[in-house]
Amino acid sequence: MRIIPAIDIIDGKCVRLSQGDYNQKTVYNENPLEVAKEFEDAGLKYLHLVDLDGAKAKKVVNWKVLESIVSKTSLQVDFGGGLRTTEDVQTVFNSGAKQITAGSIAVNDRETVLQWISEFGAEKIILGADAKNGRIATHGWLDDSGLDAIDFISNYQKEGIEYVVCTDIAKDGMLQGPSIELYKQILSANKGLKLIASGGVSSIDDLKELKTIGCEAAIVGKAIYEGRILIDDFRNTILDL
């Protein structure tokens, strides 16, 4: 299972939110590149970079942060937040992203996302399925779409989507463990899906459980920044998962 550390960006700074609430923001580092280099030094290969300014503005804002990280580290970066147009996506790929996450737009403009799958390849598009009470939430988790999360994922898998990142918003930033039951249901309903778990990871044991149930990858955020999982854990333990 791939381990993917997360960097969320507001005002060019590395932050974390609790349950997607922009009013519950903690700034952990003024320099995201510095954080990315620490991950690289620990032997990690991937990074989940989220443009929270972009998610709110409905357009990509922090692409220069992406460009800086890609040009100065070897991390393979997936980028999300604010992607609404094909031009946005092209800008992000030109800035060095390996994959992009289609979140709110996958709810509100299905035809555009299907176009991206066709134009850029399904392997480069991650479906963002952020769930609250089993329903998909959009626009930085501020809006409830009313769509059932499992049905939403199934419909896109039929269109060729291979990768899905699913965050249970109730778990995000709370360090109370990931949504194991939700992920089991998703994997049971969608055979062959490459599910990336996000939200709630607080320990190595959480990561082992996610691997056991069949997740392709797990995103780790606040657990790192709060010291629940140490950089040395990446060097000594996690890479052997």
Protein backbone atom coordinates (compact mmCIF):
# COMPACT_ATOMS: atom_id res chain seq x y z
CA MET A 1 0.00 0.00 0.00
CA ARG A 2 1.28 3.44 -0.92
CA ILE A 3 1.65 5.98 1.87
CA ILE A 4 0.89 9.52 0.73
CA PRO A 5 1.59 12.44 3.07
CA ALA A 6 -0.63 15.49 2.62
CA ILE A 7 0.08 19.18 2.35
CA ASP A 8 -2.92 21.53 2.36
CA ILE A 9 -2.28 25.10 1.24
CA ILE A 10 -3.91 28.35 2.35
CA ASP A 11 -2.16 31.65 1.58
CA GLY A 12 0.89 29.70 0.43
CA LYS A 13 1.28 28.08 3.86
CA CYS A 14 1.03 24.47 5.03
CA VAL A 15 -2.15 24.12 7.11
CA ARG A 16 -4.63 21.53 8.36
CA LEU A 17 -8.34 21.92 8.88
CA SER A 18 -10.62 19.93 11.17
CA GLN A 19 -13.65 18.37 9.43
CA GLY A 20 -13.08 20.66 6.46
CA ASP A 21 -13.87 23.78 8.49
CA TYR A 22 -11.90 26.80 7.25
CA ASN A 23 -12.47 28.40 10.68
CA GLN A 24 -10.65 25.49 12.35
CA LYS A 25 -7.30 26.11 10.68
CA THR A 26 -3.85 25.40 12.09
CA VAL A 27 -0.75 26.68 10.29
CA TYR A 28 2.07 24.14 10.62
CA ASN A 29 4.71 25.62 8.37
CA GLU A 30 5.12 28.81 6.37
CA ASN A 31 7.08 26.93 3.72
CA PRO A 32 5.41 23.90 2.05
CA LEU A 33 8.60 23.09 0.11
CA GLU A 34 10.44 22.59 3.40
CA VAL A 35 7.79 20.09 4.51
CA ALA A 36 7.90 18.29 1.16
CA LYS A 37 11.67 17.92 1.42
CA GLU A 38 11.30 16.34 4.86
CA PHE A 39 8.96 13.75 3.36
CA GLU A 40 11.39 13.09 0.53
CA ASP A 41 14.30 12.72 2.98
CA ALA A 42 12.26 10.12 4.87
CA GLY A 43 12.09 7.97 1.73
CA LEU A 44 8.52 8.80 0.75
CA LYS A 45 7.75 8.97 -2.96
CA TYR A 46 4.30 10.56 -3.17
CA LEU A 47 2.54 13.73 -2.06
CA HIS A 48 -1.11 14.77 -1.90
CA LEU A 49 -1.21 18.56 -2.44
CA VAL A 50 -4.50 20.37 -1.87
CA ASP A 51 -5.15 23.96 -2.91
CA LEU A 52 -7.71 24.97 -0.27
CA ASP A 53 -7.72 28.54 -1.57
CA GLY A 54 -8.56 27.10 -4.97
CA ALA A 55 -11.34 24.91 -3.60
CA LYS A 56 -12.99 27.98 -2.13
CA ALA A 57 -12.33 30.24 -5.14
CA LYS A 58 -13.39 27.56 -7.66
CA LYS A 59 -10.18 28.07 -9.64
CA VAL A 60 -6.57 26.98 -9.19
CA VAL A 61 -4.71 29.45 -7.00
CA ASN A 62 -1.55 27.82 -5.63
CA TRP A 63 -0.07 26.19 -8.74
CA LYS A 64 3.28 27.87 -8.09
CA VAL A 65 3.60 25.90 -4.84
CA LEU A 66 3.13 22.74 -6.91
CA GLU A 67 5.73 23.91 -9.42
CA SER A 68 8.24 24.61 -6.65
CA ILE A 69 7.79 21.21 -4.98
CA VAL A 70 7.98 19.27 -8.25
CA SER A 71 11.06 21.14 -9.47
CA LYS A 72 12.96 20.80 -6.18
CA THR A 73 12.03 17.29 -5.02
CA SER A 74 11.51 13.89 -6.66
CA LEU A 75 8.03 13.45 -5.14
CA GLN A 76 5.21 12.33 -7.41
CA VAL A 77 2.45 14.82 -6.67
CA ASP A 78 -1.30 14.54 -7.06
CA PHE A 79 -3.04 17.92 -6.98
CA GLY A 80 -6.56 18.90 -6.06
CA GLY A 81 -8.57 22.00 -5.28
CA GLY A 82 -10.23 24.46 -7.61
CA LEU A 83 -9.99 22.49 -10.84
CA ARG A 84 -12.93 23.57 -12.99
CA THR A 85 -11.68 23.90 -16.58
CA THR A 86 -9.49 21.95 -18.97
CA GLU A 87 -7.13 24.95 -18.89
CA ASP A 88 -6.82 24.54 -15.10
CA VAL A 89 -5.96 20.88 -15.54
CA GLN A 90 -3.42 21.61 -18.26
CA THR A 91 -1.79 24.26 -16.04
CA VAL A 92 -1.47 21.78 -13.19
CA PHE A 93 -0.01 19.04 -15.40
CA ASN A 94 2.36 21.58 -16.97
CA SER A 95 3.42 22.50 -13.43
CA GLY A 96 4.46 18.90 -12.85
CA ALA A 97 1.55 17.06 -11.24
CA LYS A 98 1.38 13.33 -11.98
CA GLN A 99 -2.35 13.14 -11.24
CA ILE A 100 -5.20 15.53 -10.48
CA THR A 101 -8.22 15.06 -8.26
CA ALA A 102 -11.61 15.87 -9.71
CA GLY A 103 -13.79 16.69 -6.73
CA SER A 104 -16.67 19.17 -6.86
CA ILE A 105 -16.61 19.31 -10.65
CA ALA A 106 -17.23 15.56 -10.81
CA VAL A 107 -20.59 16.27 -9.16
CA ASN A 108 -21.51 19.46 -10.96
CA ASP A 109 -20.07 18.95 -14.46
CA ARG A 110 -19.81 15.25 -15.27
CA GLU A 111 -19.28 15.84 -18.99
CA THR A 112 -16.13 17.88 -18.37
CA VAL A 113 -14.65 15.15 -16.17
CA LEU A 114 -15.45 12.51 -18.78
CA GLN A 115 -13.65 14.73 -21.29
CA TRP A 116 -10.61 14.85 -19.01
CA ILE A 117 -10.63 11.04 -18.73
CA SER A 118 -10.65 10.82 -22.51
CA GLU A 119 -8.08 13.57 -23.10
CA PHE A 120 -5.54 12.91 -20.33
CA GLY A 121 -6.14 9.22 -19.54
CA ALA A 122 -8.08 7.59 -16.70
CA GLU A 123 -4.86 6.81 -14.81
CA LYS A 124 -4.17 10.54 -14.42
CA ILE A 125 -7.58 11.46 -13.00
CA ILE A 126 -8.44 10.65 -9.38
CA LEU A 127 -12.11 10.88 -8.50
CA GLY A 128 -12.59 12.85 -5.30
CA ALA A 129 -15.43 11.27 -3.32
CA ASP A 130 -15.62 13.23 -0.08
CA ALA A 131 -18.44 11.91 2.06
CA LYS A 132 -20.49 13.26 4.92
CA ASN A 133 -23.14 10.95 6.38
CA GLY A 134 -22.70 8.72 3.32
CA ARG A 135 -23.36 11.54 0.83
CA ILE A 136 -20.94 13.42 -1.40
CA ALA A 137 -19.94 16.91 -0.24
CA THR A 138 -18.50 19.58 -2.55
CA HIS A 139 -16.83 23.00 -2.67
CA GLY A 140 -14.29 22.46 0.07
CA TRP A 141 -16.86 20.30 1.89
CA LEU A 142 -19.17 23.26 2.37
CA ASP A 143 -22.10 21.87 0.32
CA ASP A 144 -24.07 18.60 0.51
CA SER A 145 -24.77 17.26 -2.99
CA GLY A 146 -27.37 14.74 -1.78
CA LEU A 147 -25.65 12.00 -3.87
CA ASP A 148 -24.99 8.60 -2.33
CA ALA A 149 -21.22 8.13 -2.13
CA ILE A 150 -21.13 4.48 -3.24
CA ASP A 151 -23.45 5.06 -6.19
CA PHE A 152 -21.42 8.11 -7.19
CA ILE A 153 -18.20 6.07 -7.28
CA SER A 154 -19.83 3.15 -9.11
CA ASN A 155 -21.14 5.43 -11.85
CA TYR A 156 -17.67 6.83 -12.51
CA GLN A 157 -15.99 3.43 -12.40
CA LYS A 158 -18.26 2.44 -15.27
CA GLU A 159 -16.78 5.39 -17.19
CA GLY A 160 -13.22 4.16 -16.69
CA ILE A 161 -12.17 5.79 -13.42
CA GLU A 162 -9.52 3.65 -11.69
CA TYR A 163 -8.47 5.79 -8.73
CA VAL A 164 -10.76 7.21 -6.05
CA VAL A 165 -9.75 9.19 -2.99
CA CYS A 166 -12.46 9.04 -0.36
CA THR A 167 -12.48 11.19 2.76
CA ASP A 168 -15.07 10.76 5.48
CA ILE A 169 -15.35 14.41 6.50
CA ALA A 170 -16.47 13.51 10.02
CA LYS A 171 -13.11 11.76 10.49
CA ASP A 172 -10.84 14.29 8.80
CA GLY A 173 -8.38 15.97 11.14
CA MET A 174 -9.93 14.31 14.19
CA LEU A 175 -7.25 11.60 14.70
CA GLN A 176 -9.93 9.09 15.68
CA GLY A 177 -9.22 6.41 13.08
CA PRO A 178 -10.31 6.06 9.44
CA SER A 179 -13.75 5.02 8.15
CA ILE A 180 -13.00 1.32 7.81
CA GLU A 181 -16.63 0.28 7.35
CA LEU A 182 -17.26 2.87 4.62
CA TYR A 183 -14.14 1.75 2.75
CA LYS A 184 -15.15 -1.90 3.04
CA GLN A 185 -18.52 -1.05 1.52
CA ILE A 186 -16.93 0.90 -1.33
CA LEU A 187 -14.45 -1.86 -2.15
CA SER A 188 -17.17 -4.52 -1.98
CA ALA A 189 -19.38 -2.58 -4.39
CA ASN A 190 -16.60 -1.64 -6.82
CA LYS A 191 -14.32 -4.57 -7.68
CA GLY A 192 -10.87 -3.62 -8.94
CA LEU A 193 -11.09 -0.04 -7.66
CA LYS A 194 -7.85 1.59 -6.49
CA LEU A 195 -9.15 3.20 -3.32
CA ILE A 196 -7.11 5.88 -1.59
CA ALA A 197 -8.21 6.29 2.02
CA SER A 198 -8.10 9.76 3.51
CA GLY A 199 -9.07 11.15 6.89
CA GLY A 200 -8.71 9.99 10.47
CA VAL A 201 -5.41 8.10 10.27
CA SER A 202 -3.77 8.41 13.68
CA SER A 203 -1.32 5.50 13.95
CA ILE A 204 0.67 2.82 12.20
CA ASP A 205 -2.05 0.33 13.19
CA ASP A 206 -4.62 2.39 11.26
CA LEU A 207 -2.43 2.12 8.17
CA LYS A 208 -2.03 -1.63 8.61
CA GLU A 209 -5.80 -2.04 8.86
CA LEU A 210 -6.35 -0.01 5.68
CA LYS A 211 -3.88 -2.24 3.89
CA THR A 212 -5.62 -5.36 5.21
CA ILE A 213 -9.02 -4.35 3.85
CA GLY A 214 -7.56 -3.67 0.40
CA CYS A 215 -6.92 0.06 0.09
CA GLU A 216 -4.41 0.89 -2.66
CA ALA A 217 -3.06 3.89 -0.76
CA ALA A 218 -3.60 5.96 2.36
CA ILE A 219 -3.20 9.69 2.84
CA VAL A 220 -1.70 10.84 6.13
CA GLY A 221 -1.97 14.45 7.26
CA LYS A 222 -2.62 15.67 10.76
CA ALA A 223 -1.10 12.56 12.38
CA ILE A 224 2.27 13.67 11.03
CA TYR A 225 1.92 17.32 11.96
CA GLU A 226 0.72 16.49 15.49
CA GLY A 227 3.51 13.96 16.03
CA ARG A 228 1.28 10.86 16.24
CA ILE A 229 3.30 9.33 13.39
CA LEU A 230 6.93 10.43 13.31
CA ILE A 231 9.17 10.96 10.31
CA ASP A 232 11.37 8.18 11.73
CA ASP A 233 8.33 5.89 11.53
CA PHE A 234 8.35 6.44 7.78
CA ARG A 235 12.01 5.51 7.60
CA ASN A 236 11.80 2.47 9.83
CA THR A 237 8.32 1.02 9.61
CA ILE A 238 5.83 2.42 7.15
CA LEU A 239 7.86 1.73 4.05
CA ASP A 240 7.70 -1.97 4.95
CA LEU A 241 3.89 -2.06 5.00
